[in-house]
Amino acid sequence: MKRFLFIFLSTVIVGGVFYMGMDYQMRLRERSAIVFDIKPFIIFTSIFSIFMGMLLRLPKLIIEIKDKKRWSIDWVKVLVIGIPSIYIAMIRLLAIVYGKNLLFFNEVTLLGDFTFTYIAGVIFGYVLLDSLKSNDSSNDKGKLA
């Protein structure tokens, strides 16, 4: 019953934060069309997607933290999945700062909407917290050498 309540409350909190964030994002998009300043919308979209990914992984991380083990970072996961996904998630923000001559900028913007960059941000946020691992000998059973 305790586990059910934890998962249920986590789902309600994640859903509520997602709803409020998407509502705010829609308001920012409308405001940016009125005042012709898209920077706040792009900044929020980039950061909120990463935050949502972290929020999706947080309940499992809380359960793992309760075990009180030593922690380390899975650098391979961060480098292989995290770095490309944060680059894609932040590419529109980087284009504002550094210009549009970025690698894969045209390919990402040709997709049109912000969905691709949003998903990449969620992936990065999730991988960021998922790359934390406990140093437990029983945790190494399914790993590749």
C-alpha atoms as a PDB file:
ATOM      1  CA  MET A   1       0.000   0.000   0.000  1.00  0.00           C
ATOM      2  CA  LYS A   2       2.886   2.341   0.810  1.00  0.00           C
ATOM      3  CA  ARG A   3       4.465   1.697  -2.590  1.00  0.00           C
ATOM      4  CA  PHE A   4       1.121   2.281  -4.340  1.00  0.00           C
ATOM      5  CA  LEU A   5       0.670   5.659  -2.627  1.00  0.00           C
ATOM      6  CA  PHE A   6       4.239   6.686  -3.470  1.00  0.00           C
ATOM      7  CA  ILE A   7       3.813   5.821  -7.151  1.00  0.00           C
ATOM      8  CA  PHE A   8       0.342   7.389  -7.283  1.00  0.00           C
ATOM      9  CA  LEU A   9       1.471  10.640  -5.667  1.00  0.00           C
ATOM     10  CA  SER A  10       4.542  10.748  -7.898  1.00  0.00           C
ATOM     11  CA  THR A  11       2.336  10.376 -10.953  1.00  0.00           C
ATOM     12  CA  VAL A  12      -0.022  13.106  -9.769  1.00  0.00           C
ATOM     13  CA  ILE A  13       2.870  15.478  -9.049  1.00  0.00           C
ATOM     14  CA  VAL A  14       4.567  14.809 -12.400  1.00  0.00           C
ATOM     15  CA  GLY A  15       1.258  15.235 -14.218  1.00  0.00           C
ATOM     16  CA  GLY A  16       0.494  18.472 -12.386  1.00  0.00           C
ATOM     17  CA  VAL A  17       3.920  19.950 -13.048  1.00  0.00           C
ATOM     18  CA  PHE A  18       3.679  18.899 -16.696  1.00  0.00           C
ATOM     19  CA  TYR A  19       0.237  20.496 -17.061  1.00  0.00           C
ATOM     20  CA  MET A  20       1.278  23.766 -15.417  1.00  0.00           C
ATOM     21  CA  GLY A  21       4.515  23.889 -17.414  1.00  0.00           C
ATOM     22  CA  MET A  22       2.785  23.294 -20.726  1.00  0.00           C
ATOM     23  CA  ASP A  23       0.173  25.917 -19.855  1.00  0.00           C
ATOM     24  CA  TYR A  24       2.917  28.439 -19.081  1.00  0.00           C
ATOM     25  CA  GLN A  25       4.753  27.456 -22.258  1.00  0.00           C
ATOM     26  CA  MET A  26       1.618  28.110 -24.308  1.00  0.00           C
ATOM     27  CA  ARG A  27       1.241  31.533 -22.689  1.00  0.00           C
ATOM     28  CA  LEU A  28       4.884  32.327 -23.451  1.00  0.00           C
ATOM     29  CA  ARG A  29       4.370  31.305 -27.077  1.00  0.00           C
ATOM     30  CA  GLU A  30       1.353  33.598 -27.405  1.00  0.00           C
ATOM     31  CA  ARG A  31       3.202  36.451 -25.712  1.00  0.00           C
ATOM     32  CA  SER A  32       6.240  35.985 -27.940  1.00  0.00           C
ATOM     33  CA  ALA A  33       3.989  36.321 -30.992  1.00  0.00           C
ATOM     34  CA  ILE A  34       2.614  39.584 -29.634  1.00  0.00           C
ATOM     35  CA  VAL A  35       5.854  41.263 -28.519  1.00  0.00           C
ATOM     36  CA  PHE A  36       8.094  39.630 -31.163  1.00  0.00           C
ATOM     37  CA  ASP A  37      10.561  38.297 -28.580  1.00  0.00           C
ATOM     38  CA  ILE A  38      10.937  34.523 -28.763  1.00  0.00           C
ATOM     39  CA  LYS A  39      13.905  34.241 -26.362  1.00  0.00           C
ATOM     40  CA  PRO A  40      11.884  33.625 -23.150  1.00  0.00           C
ATOM     41  CA  PHE A  41       9.869  30.933 -24.917  1.00  0.00           C
ATOM     42  CA  ILE A  42      12.967  29.151 -26.223  1.00  0.00           C
ATOM     43  CA  ILE A  43      14.757  29.371 -22.867  1.00  0.00           C
ATOM     44  CA  PHE A  44      11.756  27.968 -20.996  1.00  0.00           C
ATOM     45  CA  THR A  45      11.173  25.185 -23.511  1.00  0.00           C
ATOM     46  CA  SER A  46      14.800  24.075 -23.354  1.00  0.00           C
ATOM     47  CA  ILE A  47      15.067  24.091 -19.575  1.00  0.00           C
ATOM     48  CA  PHE A  48      11.578  22.766 -18.817  1.00  0.00           C
ATOM     49  CA  SER A  49      12.041  19.688 -20.994  1.00  0.00           C
ATOM     50  CA  ILE A  50      15.232  18.772 -19.118  1.00  0.00           C
ATOM     51  CA  PHE A  51      13.468  19.388 -15.807  1.00  0.00           C
ATOM     52  CA  MET A  52      10.609  17.096 -16.856  1.00  0.00           C
ATOM     53  CA  GLY A  53      13.040  14.325 -17.725  1.00  0.00           C
ATOM     54  CA  MET A  54      14.635  14.656 -14.306  1.00  0.00           C
ATOM     55  CA  LEU A  55      11.225  14.685 -12.653  1.00  0.00           C
ATOM     56  CA  LEU A  56      10.251  11.465 -14.448  1.00  0.00           C
ATOM     57  CA  ARG A  57      13.334   9.688 -13.054  1.00  0.00           C
ATOM     58  CA  LEU A  58      13.165  11.219  -9.569  1.00  0.00           C
ATOM     59  CA  PRO A  59      10.752   8.708  -7.913  1.00  0.00           C
ATOM     60  CA  LYS A  60      12.980   5.752  -8.786  1.00  0.00           C
ATOM     61  CA  LEU A  61      16.055   7.690  -7.666  1.00  0.00           C
ATOM     62  CA  ILE A  62      14.401   8.389  -4.300  1.00  0.00           C
ATOM     63  CA  ILE A  63      13.792   4.666  -3.848  1.00  0.00           C
ATOM     64  CA  GLU A  64      17.413   3.939  -4.755  1.00  0.00           C
ATOM     65  CA  ILE A  65      18.739   6.639  -2.394  1.00  0.00           C
ATOM     66  CA  LYS A  66      16.914   5.042   0.534  1.00  0.00           C
ATOM     67  CA  ASP A  67      19.291   2.054   0.189  1.00  0.00           C
ATOM     68  CA  LYS A  68      22.161   4.362   1.345  1.00  0.00           C
ATOM     69  CA  LYS A  69      24.887   2.977  -0.906  1.00  0.00           C
ATOM     70  CA  ARG A  70      27.916   4.647  -2.457  1.00  0.00           C
ATOM     71  CA  TRP A  71      27.171   6.394  -5.721  1.00  0.00           C
ATOM     72  CA  SER A  72      29.127   6.965  -8.895  1.00  0.00           C
ATOM     73  CA  ILE A  73      28.374   8.327 -12.357  1.00  0.00           C
ATOM     74  CA  ASP A  74      28.039   6.167 -15.450  1.00  0.00           C
ATOM     75  CA  TRP A  75      30.138   8.384 -17.721  1.00  0.00           C
ATOM     76  CA  VAL A  76      29.585   6.200 -20.782  1.00  0.00           C
ATOM     77  CA  LYS A  77      25.835   6.772 -20.565  1.00  0.00           C
ATOM     78  CA  VAL A  78      26.327  10.504 -20.080  1.00  0.00           C
ATOM     79  CA  LEU A  79      28.724  10.785 -23.025  1.00  0.00           C
ATOM     80  CA  VAL A  80      26.886   8.521 -25.476  1.00  0.00           C
ATOM     81  CA  ILE A  81      23.294   9.546 -24.740  1.00  0.00           C
ATOM     82  CA  GLY A  82      23.487  12.691 -22.613  1.00  0.00           C
ATOM     83  CA  ILE A  83      25.785  14.951 -24.631  1.00  0.00           C
ATOM     84  CA  PRO A  84      24.001  14.512 -28.002  1.00  0.00           C
ATOM     85  CA  SER A  85      20.572  14.876 -26.409  1.00  0.00           C
ATOM     86  CA  ILE A  86      21.454  18.082 -24.533  1.00  0.00           C
ATOM     87  CA  TYR A  87      22.932  19.490 -27.738  1.00  0.00           C
ATOM     88  CA  ILE A  88      19.691  18.813 -29.604  1.00  0.00           C
ATOM     89  CA  ALA A  89      17.614  20.108 -26.674  1.00  0.00           C
ATOM     90  CA  MET A  90      19.588  23.350 -26.519  1.00  0.00           C
ATOM     91  CA  ILE A  91      20.185  23.863 -30.251  1.00  0.00           C
ATOM     92  CA  ARG A  92      17.607  26.640 -30.625  1.00  0.00           C
ATOM     93  CA  LEU A  93      18.998  28.443 -27.590  1.00  0.00           C
ATOM     94  CA  LEU A  94      22.537  28.011 -28.905  1.00  0.00           C
ATOM     95  CA  ALA A  95      21.392  29.440 -32.239  1.00  0.00           C
ATOM     96  CA  ILE A  96      20.262  32.616 -30.495  1.00  0.00           C
ATOM     97  CA  VAL A  97      23.602  32.976 -28.737  1.00  0.00           C
ATOM     98  CA  TYR A  98      26.039  31.754 -31.402  1.00  0.00           C
ATOM     99  CA  GLY A  99      24.136  32.086 -34.650  1.00  0.00           C
ATOM    100  CA  LYS A 100      22.582  29.565 -36.978  1.00  0.00           C
ATOM    101  CA  ASN A 101      25.808  27.994 -38.251  1.00  0.00           C
ATOM    102  CA  LEU A 102      25.557  25.093 -35.808  1.00  0.00           C
ATOM    103  CA  LEU A 103      25.950  21.441 -36.658  1.00  0.00           C
ATOM    104  CA  PHE A 104      22.520  19.876 -37.425  1.00  0.00           C
ATOM    105  CA  PHE A 105      20.671  23.173 -36.862  1.00  0.00           C
ATOM    106  CA  ASN A 106      18.961  23.071 -40.251  1.00  0.00           C
ATOM    107  CA  GLU A 107      17.951  19.435 -39.823  1.00  0.00           C
ATOM    108  CA  VAL A 108      16.420  20.057 -36.410  1.00  0.00           C
ATOM    109  CA  THR A 109      14.570  23.212 -37.462  1.00  0.00           C
ATOM    110  CA  LEU A 110      13.258  21.583 -40.630  1.00  0.00           C
ATOM    111  CA  LEU A 111      11.272  19.275 -38.385  1.00  0.00           C
ATOM    112  CA  GLY A 112       9.233  22.383 -37.628  1.00  0.00           C
ATOM    113  CA  ASP A 113       7.822  22.194 -34.146  1.00  0.00           C
ATOM    114  CA  PHE A 114       9.659  22.026 -30.838  1.00  0.00           C
ATOM    115  CA  THR A 115       8.680  18.380 -30.260  1.00  0.00           C
ATOM    116  CA  PHE A 116      12.036  16.947 -31.333  1.00  0.00           C
ATOM    117  CA  THR A 117      14.027  19.275 -29.107  1.00  0.00           C
ATOM    118  CA  TYR A 118      11.551  18.745 -26.255  1.00  0.00           C
ATOM    119  CA  ILE A 119      11.929  14.963 -26.417  1.00  0.00           C
ATOM    120  CA  ALA A 120      15.716  15.322 -26.500  1.00  0.00           C
ATOM    121  CA  GLY A 121      15.531  17.455 -23.349  1.00  0.00           C
ATOM    122  CA  VAL A 122      13.388  14.880 -21.564  1.00  0.00           C
ATOM    123  CA  ILE A 123      15.864  12.173 -22.567  1.00  0.00           C
ATOM    124  CA  PHE A 124      18.790  14.204 -21.235  1.00  0.00           C
ATOM    125  CA  GLY A 125      17.086  14.935 -17.918  1.00  0.00           C
ATOM    126  CA  TYR A 126      16.183  11.289 -17.446  1.00  0.00           C
ATOM    127  CA  VAL A 127      19.662  10.054 -18.422  1.00  0.00           C
ATOM    128  CA  LEU A 128      21.283  12.606 -16.141  1.00  0.00           C
ATOM    129  CA  LEU A 129      19.640  11.082 -13.071  1.00  0.00           C
ATOM    130  CA  ASP A 130      19.741   7.545 -14.458  1.00  0.00           C
ATOM    131  CA  SER A 131      23.512   7.738 -14.893  1.00  0.00           C
ATOM    132  CA  LEU A 132      23.883   7.864 -11.118  1.00  0.00           C
ATOM    133  CA  LYS A 133      24.540   4.308 -10.043  1.00  0.00           C
ATOM    134  CA  SER A 134      25.262   2.590  -6.796  1.00  0.00           C
ATOM    135  CA  ASN A 135      28.509   0.713  -6.335  1.00  0.00           C
ATOM    136  CA  ASP A 136      26.954  -2.627  -5.511  1.00  0.00           C
ATOM    137  CA  SER A 137      28.356  -5.985  -6.614  1.00  0.00           C
ATOM    138  CA  SER A 138      24.851  -7.349  -7.257  1.00  0.00           C
ATOM    139  CA  ASN A 139      24.224  -4.405  -9.592  1.00  0.00           C
ATOM    140  CA  ASP A 140      26.985  -5.537 -11.975  1.00  0.00           C
ATOM    141  CA  LYS A 141      25.419  -8.860 -13.002  1.00  0.00           C
ATOM    142  CA  GLY A 142      23.737  -7.728 -16.216  1.00  0.00           C
ATOM    143  CA  LYS A 143      26.520  -5.457 -17.441  1.00  0.00           C
ATOM    144  CA  LEU A 144      28.622  -5.917 -20.515  1.00  0.00           C
ATOM    145  CA  ALA A 145      32.339  -6.217 -19.941  1.00  0.00           C
END
